N, C-alpha and C. Protein backbone atom coordinates (compact mmCIF):
# COMPACT_ATOMS: atom_id res chain seq x y z
N MET A 1 -91.63 -27.75 53.99
CA MET A 1 -91.28 -26.64 53.12
C MET A 1 -91.66 -26.99 51.68
N GLU A 2 -92.17 -26.02 51.01
CA GLU A 2 -92.54 -26.19 49.60
C GLU A 2 -91.29 -26.48 48.77
N LYS A 3 -91.44 -27.40 47.81
CA LYS A 3 -90.35 -27.72 46.90
C LYS A 3 -90.88 -27.57 45.48
N ARG A 4 -90.27 -26.70 44.73
CA ARG A 4 -90.68 -26.48 43.34
C ARG A 4 -89.83 -27.33 42.41
N THR A 5 -90.37 -27.58 41.21
CA THR A 5 -89.69 -28.40 40.20
C THR A 5 -89.21 -27.52 39.05
N LYS A 6 -88.47 -28.14 38.15
CA LYS A 6 -87.98 -27.43 36.96
C LYS A 6 -89.14 -26.87 36.14
N ASP A 7 -90.26 -27.58 36.12
CA ASP A 7 -91.43 -27.14 35.36
C ASP A 7 -92.23 -26.05 36.06
N ASN A 8 -91.98 -25.86 37.36
CA ASN A 8 -92.70 -24.85 38.14
C ASN A 8 -91.74 -24.22 39.15
N PRO A 9 -90.71 -23.49 38.67
CA PRO A 9 -89.69 -22.96 39.58
C PRO A 9 -90.17 -21.73 40.34
N TRP A 10 -89.45 -21.42 41.43
CA TRP A 10 -89.65 -20.13 42.08
C TRP A 10 -89.06 -19.08 41.16
N LYS A 11 -89.74 -17.99 40.96
CA LYS A 11 -89.25 -16.84 40.20
C LYS A 11 -88.91 -15.77 41.23
N LEU A 12 -87.63 -15.47 41.34
CA LEU A 12 -87.14 -14.61 42.41
C LEU A 12 -86.38 -13.41 41.86
N LYS A 13 -86.10 -12.46 42.74
CA LYS A 13 -85.25 -11.31 42.41
C LYS A 13 -84.14 -11.24 43.45
N THR A 14 -82.96 -10.80 43.02
CA THR A 14 -81.84 -10.63 43.92
C THR A 14 -82.21 -9.60 45.00
N PRO A 15 -81.51 -9.59 46.14
CA PRO A 15 -81.87 -8.66 47.21
C PRO A 15 -82.01 -7.19 46.77
N PRO A 16 -81.14 -6.65 45.89
CA PRO A 16 -81.37 -5.26 45.47
C PRO A 16 -82.51 -5.11 44.46
N LEU A 17 -83.17 -6.23 44.13
CA LEU A 17 -84.28 -6.26 43.18
C LEU A 17 -83.85 -5.87 41.76
N SER A 18 -82.58 -6.10 41.45
CA SER A 18 -82.02 -5.67 40.16
C SER A 18 -81.98 -6.77 39.11
N SER A 19 -82.07 -8.04 39.51
CA SER A 19 -82.00 -9.15 38.55
C SER A 19 -82.99 -10.24 38.94
N GLU A 20 -83.54 -10.90 37.92
CA GLU A 20 -84.45 -12.01 38.15
C GLU A 20 -83.71 -13.33 37.92
N TYR A 21 -84.16 -14.35 38.60
CA TYR A 21 -83.60 -15.69 38.43
C TYR A 21 -84.63 -16.70 38.89
N GLU A 22 -84.38 -17.98 38.62
CA GLU A 22 -85.29 -19.05 39.00
C GLU A 22 -84.55 -20.10 39.82
N MET A 23 -85.31 -20.76 40.69
CA MET A 23 -84.76 -21.85 41.50
C MET A 23 -85.77 -22.98 41.57
N TYR A 24 -85.25 -24.19 41.69
CA TYR A 24 -86.10 -25.36 41.91
C TYR A 24 -85.28 -26.43 42.60
N VAL A 25 -85.96 -27.45 43.10
CA VAL A 25 -85.32 -28.54 43.83
C VAL A 25 -85.32 -29.79 42.95
N THR A 26 -84.20 -30.48 42.94
CA THR A 26 -84.09 -31.76 42.24
C THR A 26 -83.14 -32.65 43.02
N GLU A 27 -82.89 -33.84 42.51
CA GLU A 27 -81.95 -34.75 43.15
C GLU A 27 -80.78 -34.99 42.21
N LYS A 28 -79.58 -34.99 42.79
CA LYS A 28 -78.37 -35.27 42.01
C LYS A 28 -77.44 -36.10 42.89
N ASP A 29 -76.97 -37.21 42.36
CA ASP A 29 -76.05 -38.09 43.08
C ASP A 29 -76.61 -38.49 44.45
N GLY A 30 -77.92 -38.72 44.52
CA GLY A 30 -78.54 -39.18 45.74
C GLY A 30 -78.80 -38.12 46.79
N ARG A 31 -78.61 -36.85 46.45
CA ARG A 31 -78.86 -35.79 47.42
C ARG A 31 -79.76 -34.73 46.81
N GLU A 32 -80.59 -34.13 47.65
CA GLU A 32 -81.45 -33.04 47.18
C GLU A 32 -80.61 -31.79 47.02
N ILE A 33 -80.80 -31.12 45.90
CA ILE A 33 -80.09 -29.87 45.64
C ILE A 33 -81.08 -28.79 45.18
N ILE A 34 -80.64 -27.56 45.33
CA ILE A 34 -81.37 -26.42 44.78
C ILE A 34 -80.62 -26.02 43.52
N VAL A 35 -81.33 -25.93 42.42
CA VAL A 35 -80.76 -25.48 41.16
C VAL A 35 -81.15 -24.01 41.00
N CYS A 36 -80.16 -23.17 40.73
CA CYS A 36 -80.36 -21.74 40.56
C CYS A 36 -80.00 -21.38 39.13
N MET A 37 -80.98 -20.87 38.38
CA MET A 37 -80.79 -20.50 36.98
C MET A 37 -80.75 -18.97 36.87
N VAL A 38 -79.56 -18.45 36.56
CA VAL A 38 -79.38 -17.01 36.40
C VAL A 38 -78.98 -16.80 34.94
N GLY A 39 -79.96 -16.48 34.10
CA GLY A 39 -79.69 -16.45 32.67
C GLY A 39 -79.28 -17.84 32.24
N ARG A 40 -78.11 -17.95 31.61
CA ARG A 40 -77.59 -19.26 31.20
C ARG A 40 -76.71 -19.91 32.25
N THR A 41 -76.41 -19.17 33.31
CA THR A 41 -75.56 -19.69 34.38
C THR A 41 -76.39 -20.56 35.32
N VAL A 42 -75.84 -21.73 35.65
CA VAL A 42 -76.51 -22.68 36.54
C VAL A 42 -75.64 -22.89 37.77
N LEU A 43 -76.23 -22.66 38.94
CA LEU A 43 -75.55 -22.90 40.20
C LEU A 43 -76.30 -23.98 40.95
N HIS A 44 -75.60 -24.72 41.79
CA HIS A 44 -76.21 -25.76 42.62
C HIS A 44 -75.85 -25.49 44.08
N TYR A 45 -76.85 -25.65 44.95
CA TYR A 45 -76.63 -25.52 46.39
C TYR A 45 -77.24 -26.74 47.08
N ASP A 46 -76.59 -27.17 48.15
CA ASP A 46 -77.11 -28.27 48.95
C ASP A 46 -78.44 -27.82 49.56
N TYR A 47 -79.50 -28.62 49.38
CA TYR A 47 -80.83 -28.27 49.87
C TYR A 47 -80.83 -28.03 51.38
N ARG A 48 -79.96 -28.73 52.07
CA ARG A 48 -79.85 -28.60 53.52
C ARG A 48 -79.54 -27.17 53.96
N CYS A 49 -79.00 -26.36 53.06
CA CYS A 49 -78.61 -25.00 53.42
C CYS A 49 -79.77 -24.18 53.96
N LEU A 50 -80.98 -24.45 53.51
CA LEU A 50 -82.13 -23.66 53.96
C LEU A 50 -82.36 -23.84 55.47
N ALA A 51 -82.44 -25.06 55.92
CA ALA A 51 -82.65 -25.32 57.35
C ALA A 51 -81.43 -24.90 58.17
N ASP A 52 -80.23 -25.18 57.65
CA ASP A 52 -79.02 -24.83 58.39
C ASP A 52 -78.85 -23.32 58.52
N CYS A 53 -79.11 -22.59 57.45
CA CYS A 53 -78.98 -21.13 57.49
C CYS A 53 -80.04 -20.53 58.41
N HIS A 54 -81.25 -21.07 58.36
CA HIS A 54 -82.31 -20.58 59.24
C HIS A 54 -81.92 -20.78 60.71
N ALA A 55 -81.40 -21.96 61.04
CA ALA A 55 -80.96 -22.24 62.41
C ALA A 55 -79.83 -21.30 62.83
N MET A 56 -78.88 -21.07 61.93
CA MET A 56 -77.76 -20.17 62.24
C MET A 56 -78.28 -18.76 62.51
N LEU A 57 -79.21 -18.29 61.66
CA LEU A 57 -79.76 -16.93 61.83
C LEU A 57 -80.56 -16.82 63.12
N LYS A 58 -81.29 -17.87 63.48
CA LYS A 58 -82.04 -17.87 64.75
C LYS A 58 -81.07 -17.73 65.92
N GLU A 59 -80.00 -18.50 65.86
CA GLU A 59 -79.00 -18.43 66.93
C GLU A 59 -78.32 -17.07 66.96
N HIS A 60 -78.04 -16.50 65.80
CA HIS A 60 -77.42 -15.17 65.69
C HIS A 60 -78.34 -14.12 66.32
N GLY A 61 -79.64 -14.22 66.06
CA GLY A 61 -80.62 -13.39 66.73
C GLY A 61 -80.78 -11.97 66.25
N ASP A 62 -80.09 -11.58 65.21
CA ASP A 62 -80.17 -10.20 64.73
C ASP A 62 -79.92 -10.19 63.23
N TRP A 63 -79.97 -9.01 62.64
CA TRP A 63 -79.68 -8.85 61.22
C TRP A 63 -78.23 -9.25 60.94
N MET A 64 -78.00 -9.88 59.79
CA MET A 64 -76.65 -10.27 59.38
C MET A 64 -76.43 -9.84 57.94
N LEU A 65 -75.28 -9.22 57.68
CA LEU A 65 -74.94 -8.83 56.31
C LEU A 65 -74.88 -10.04 55.40
N LEU A 66 -75.36 -9.88 54.16
CA LEU A 66 -75.32 -10.98 53.20
C LEU A 66 -73.90 -11.23 52.70
N GLY A 67 -73.21 -10.19 52.26
CA GLY A 67 -71.81 -10.31 51.85
C GLY A 67 -71.56 -11.19 50.65
N SER A 68 -72.44 -11.18 49.68
CA SER A 68 -72.31 -12.05 48.50
C SER A 68 -70.99 -11.83 47.75
N LYS A 69 -70.31 -12.94 47.46
CA LYS A 69 -69.04 -12.90 46.71
C LYS A 69 -68.96 -14.13 45.80
N ASP A 70 -68.25 -13.97 44.68
CA ASP A 70 -67.95 -15.11 43.83
C ASP A 70 -67.03 -16.07 44.58
N GLU A 71 -66.97 -17.30 44.11
CA GLU A 71 -66.16 -18.32 44.77
C GLU A 71 -64.70 -17.90 44.95
N LYS A 72 -64.13 -17.24 43.98
CA LYS A 72 -62.70 -16.91 44.02
C LYS A 72 -62.39 -15.67 44.85
N GLN A 73 -63.42 -14.99 45.36
CA GLN A 73 -63.22 -13.81 46.20
C GLN A 73 -63.39 -14.20 47.66
N GLU A 74 -62.61 -13.55 48.52
CA GLU A 74 -62.72 -13.78 49.96
C GLU A 74 -64.04 -13.23 50.47
N ALA A 75 -64.72 -13.98 51.29
CA ALA A 75 -65.94 -13.51 51.94
C ALA A 75 -65.58 -12.82 53.25
N LYS A 76 -66.30 -11.76 53.56
CA LYS A 76 -66.04 -11.00 54.78
C LYS A 76 -66.56 -11.78 55.99
N PRO A 77 -65.71 -11.96 57.02
CA PRO A 77 -66.16 -12.65 58.23
C PRO A 77 -67.42 -11.98 58.81
N GLY A 78 -68.29 -12.81 59.36
CA GLY A 78 -69.51 -12.30 59.97
C GLY A 78 -70.67 -12.13 59.01
N THR A 79 -70.48 -12.52 57.73
CA THR A 79 -71.55 -12.42 56.75
C THR A 79 -72.17 -13.79 56.48
N VAL A 80 -73.34 -13.78 55.87
CA VAL A 80 -73.99 -15.02 55.47
C VAL A 80 -73.10 -15.78 54.49
N GLU A 81 -72.49 -15.06 53.55
CA GLU A 81 -71.61 -15.70 52.57
C GLU A 81 -70.44 -16.40 53.25
N PHE A 82 -69.84 -15.76 54.23
CA PHE A 82 -68.71 -16.35 54.95
C PHE A 82 -69.15 -17.64 55.64
N TRP A 83 -70.30 -17.60 56.29
CA TRP A 83 -70.83 -18.78 56.97
C TRP A 83 -71.06 -19.92 55.97
N ALA A 84 -71.57 -19.60 54.78
CA ALA A 84 -71.94 -20.62 53.79
C ALA A 84 -70.76 -21.35 53.18
N ARG A 85 -69.55 -20.90 53.46
CA ARG A 85 -68.36 -21.59 52.96
C ARG A 85 -67.37 -21.94 54.08
N SER A 86 -67.78 -21.71 55.29
CA SER A 86 -66.90 -21.90 56.44
C SER A 86 -66.78 -23.37 56.85
N PRO A 87 -65.58 -23.80 57.24
CA PRO A 87 -65.44 -25.14 57.79
C PRO A 87 -66.17 -25.30 59.13
N GLU A 88 -66.64 -24.19 59.70
CA GLU A 88 -67.35 -24.22 60.98
C GLU A 88 -68.87 -24.41 60.80
N ASN A 89 -69.40 -24.38 59.57
CA ASN A 89 -70.84 -24.56 59.39
C ASN A 89 -71.19 -26.05 59.52
N PRO A 90 -72.47 -26.40 59.59
CA PRO A 90 -72.85 -27.81 59.84
C PRO A 90 -72.33 -28.85 58.84
N ILE A 91 -72.06 -28.47 57.60
CA ILE A 91 -71.52 -29.46 56.65
C ILE A 91 -70.01 -29.35 56.50
N GLY A 92 -69.40 -28.38 57.21
CA GLY A 92 -67.96 -28.26 57.22
C GLY A 92 -67.36 -27.67 55.95
N GLY A 93 -68.10 -26.79 55.28
CA GLY A 93 -67.57 -26.14 54.08
C GLY A 93 -68.66 -25.60 53.18
N TRP A 94 -68.41 -25.62 51.91
CA TRP A 94 -69.26 -24.99 50.90
C TRP A 94 -70.65 -25.62 50.77
N TYR A 95 -71.68 -24.77 50.81
CA TYR A 95 -73.04 -25.22 50.45
C TYR A 95 -73.21 -25.17 48.93
N GLY A 96 -72.42 -24.33 48.26
CA GLY A 96 -72.40 -24.32 46.81
C GLY A 96 -71.71 -25.58 46.33
N LEU A 97 -72.26 -26.24 45.31
CA LEU A 97 -71.78 -27.57 44.92
C LEU A 97 -71.07 -27.62 43.57
N LYS A 98 -71.20 -26.59 42.77
CA LYS A 98 -70.67 -26.65 41.41
C LYS A 98 -69.36 -25.87 41.34
N LYS A 99 -68.25 -26.58 41.07
CA LYS A 99 -66.93 -25.95 41.05
C LYS A 99 -66.93 -24.69 40.20
N ASN A 100 -66.28 -23.66 40.70
CA ASN A 100 -66.20 -22.32 40.11
C ASN A 100 -67.50 -21.52 40.21
N PHE A 101 -68.56 -22.16 40.73
CA PHE A 101 -69.84 -21.48 40.93
C PHE A 101 -70.38 -21.76 42.33
N ARG A 102 -69.48 -21.96 43.29
CA ARG A 102 -69.90 -22.30 44.65
C ARG A 102 -70.25 -21.07 45.48
N GLY A 103 -69.88 -19.89 45.03
CA GLY A 103 -70.15 -18.67 45.78
C GLY A 103 -71.52 -18.10 45.48
N ARG A 104 -71.69 -16.84 45.82
CA ARG A 104 -72.94 -16.09 45.60
C ARG A 104 -74.12 -16.62 46.42
N PHE A 105 -73.82 -17.39 47.44
CA PHE A 105 -74.85 -17.88 48.35
C PHE A 105 -75.65 -16.70 48.90
N GLY A 106 -74.94 -15.64 49.33
CA GLY A 106 -75.58 -14.47 49.92
C GLY A 106 -76.41 -13.66 48.94
N MET A 107 -76.32 -13.95 47.67
CA MET A 107 -77.13 -13.27 46.66
C MET A 107 -78.39 -14.06 46.34
N TYR A 108 -78.27 -15.38 46.20
CA TYR A 108 -79.37 -16.17 45.68
C TYR A 108 -80.20 -16.94 46.70
N ILE A 109 -79.62 -17.37 47.81
CA ILE A 109 -80.37 -18.16 48.79
C ILE A 109 -81.28 -17.29 49.68
N PRO A 110 -80.85 -16.10 50.13
CA PRO A 110 -81.74 -15.30 50.98
C PRO A 110 -83.12 -14.99 50.37
N PRO A 111 -83.23 -14.62 49.09
CA PRO A 111 -84.58 -14.39 48.55
C PRO A 111 -85.46 -15.64 48.57
N LEU A 112 -84.85 -16.82 48.39
CA LEU A 112 -85.62 -18.06 48.48
C LEU A 112 -86.11 -18.26 49.92
N MET A 113 -85.24 -18.00 50.88
CA MET A 113 -85.63 -18.13 52.28
C MET A 113 -86.75 -17.14 52.62
N GLU A 114 -86.69 -15.96 52.03
CA GLU A 114 -87.76 -14.98 52.23
C GLU A 114 -89.07 -15.50 51.62
N GLU A 115 -88.99 -16.04 50.42
CA GLU A 115 -90.17 -16.59 49.74
C GLU A 115 -90.81 -17.73 50.55
N LEU A 116 -89.98 -18.51 51.21
CA LEU A 116 -90.45 -19.65 52.00
C LEU A 116 -90.89 -19.25 53.41
N GLY A 117 -90.77 -17.97 53.75
CA GLY A 117 -91.19 -17.50 55.06
C GLY A 117 -90.22 -17.80 56.17
N LEU A 118 -88.95 -18.04 55.83
CA LEU A 118 -87.93 -18.35 56.82
C LEU A 118 -87.14 -17.14 57.28
N ALA A 119 -87.14 -16.07 56.48
CA ALA A 119 -86.29 -14.92 56.78
C ALA A 119 -86.88 -13.64 56.22
N GLU A 120 -86.43 -12.54 56.79
CA GLU A 120 -86.66 -11.21 56.23
C GLU A 120 -85.36 -10.82 55.54
N VAL A 121 -85.47 -10.16 54.39
CA VAL A 121 -84.30 -9.73 53.64
C VAL A 121 -84.49 -8.26 53.27
N GLU A 122 -83.44 -7.47 53.48
CA GLU A 122 -83.49 -6.06 53.05
C GLU A 122 -83.37 -6.00 51.53
N HIS A 123 -83.85 -4.90 50.96
CA HIS A 123 -83.82 -4.73 49.51
C HIS A 123 -83.29 -3.35 49.12
N LYS A 124 -82.13 -3.02 49.69
CA LYS A 124 -81.47 -1.77 49.34
C LYS A 124 -80.53 -2.04 48.16
N LYS A 125 -79.93 -0.98 47.63
CA LYS A 125 -79.00 -1.15 46.50
C LYS A 125 -77.73 -1.90 46.91
N ARG A 126 -77.28 -1.72 48.16
CA ARG A 126 -76.04 -2.34 48.64
C ARG A 126 -76.15 -2.73 50.11
N ASN A 127 -75.24 -3.58 50.52
CA ASN A 127 -75.09 -3.94 51.93
C ASN A 127 -76.39 -4.44 52.58
N ASN A 128 -77.08 -5.32 51.89
CA ASN A 128 -78.31 -5.86 52.43
C ASN A 128 -78.04 -6.86 53.54
N LYS A 129 -79.03 -7.00 54.40
CA LYS A 129 -78.96 -7.90 55.55
C LYS A 129 -80.17 -8.81 55.55
N MET A 130 -80.08 -9.85 56.36
CA MET A 130 -81.24 -10.74 56.55
C MET A 130 -81.28 -11.16 58.01
N ARG A 131 -82.47 -11.63 58.42
CA ARG A 131 -82.63 -12.21 59.76
C ARG A 131 -83.72 -13.27 59.69
N ALA A 132 -83.66 -14.19 60.61
CA ALA A 132 -84.63 -15.29 60.66
C ALA A 132 -85.98 -14.77 61.13
N ILE A 133 -87.01 -15.44 60.64
CA ILE A 133 -88.37 -15.17 61.12
C ILE A 133 -88.71 -16.28 62.08
């Protein structure tokens, strides 16, 4: 899989195509992470989430609601966001790594997976879904 750097980030848009943001891969505390830059806000996700989410979507076999929520909001069961913070996922919890900014997985990771050719993502105003390719 392609890995971009801070000097050459992916330039992406949220699923509804309403906001732009950048992502790149770096290492922190001995682990690869995805850095997500949304304006001045910086989020971190475990790099492993890409392969794990792709495997989960393959097993799911159909479209899945993204269900993006902030960390302090409850994620709806059966959504990508719910899976990304569930104790039942392969890492046993949050793929988001930065306290108070661990949510929004369903907003920022799916477009990267689409860019990498791992998933299809809908681009409606609301209630977008994704599925594995």
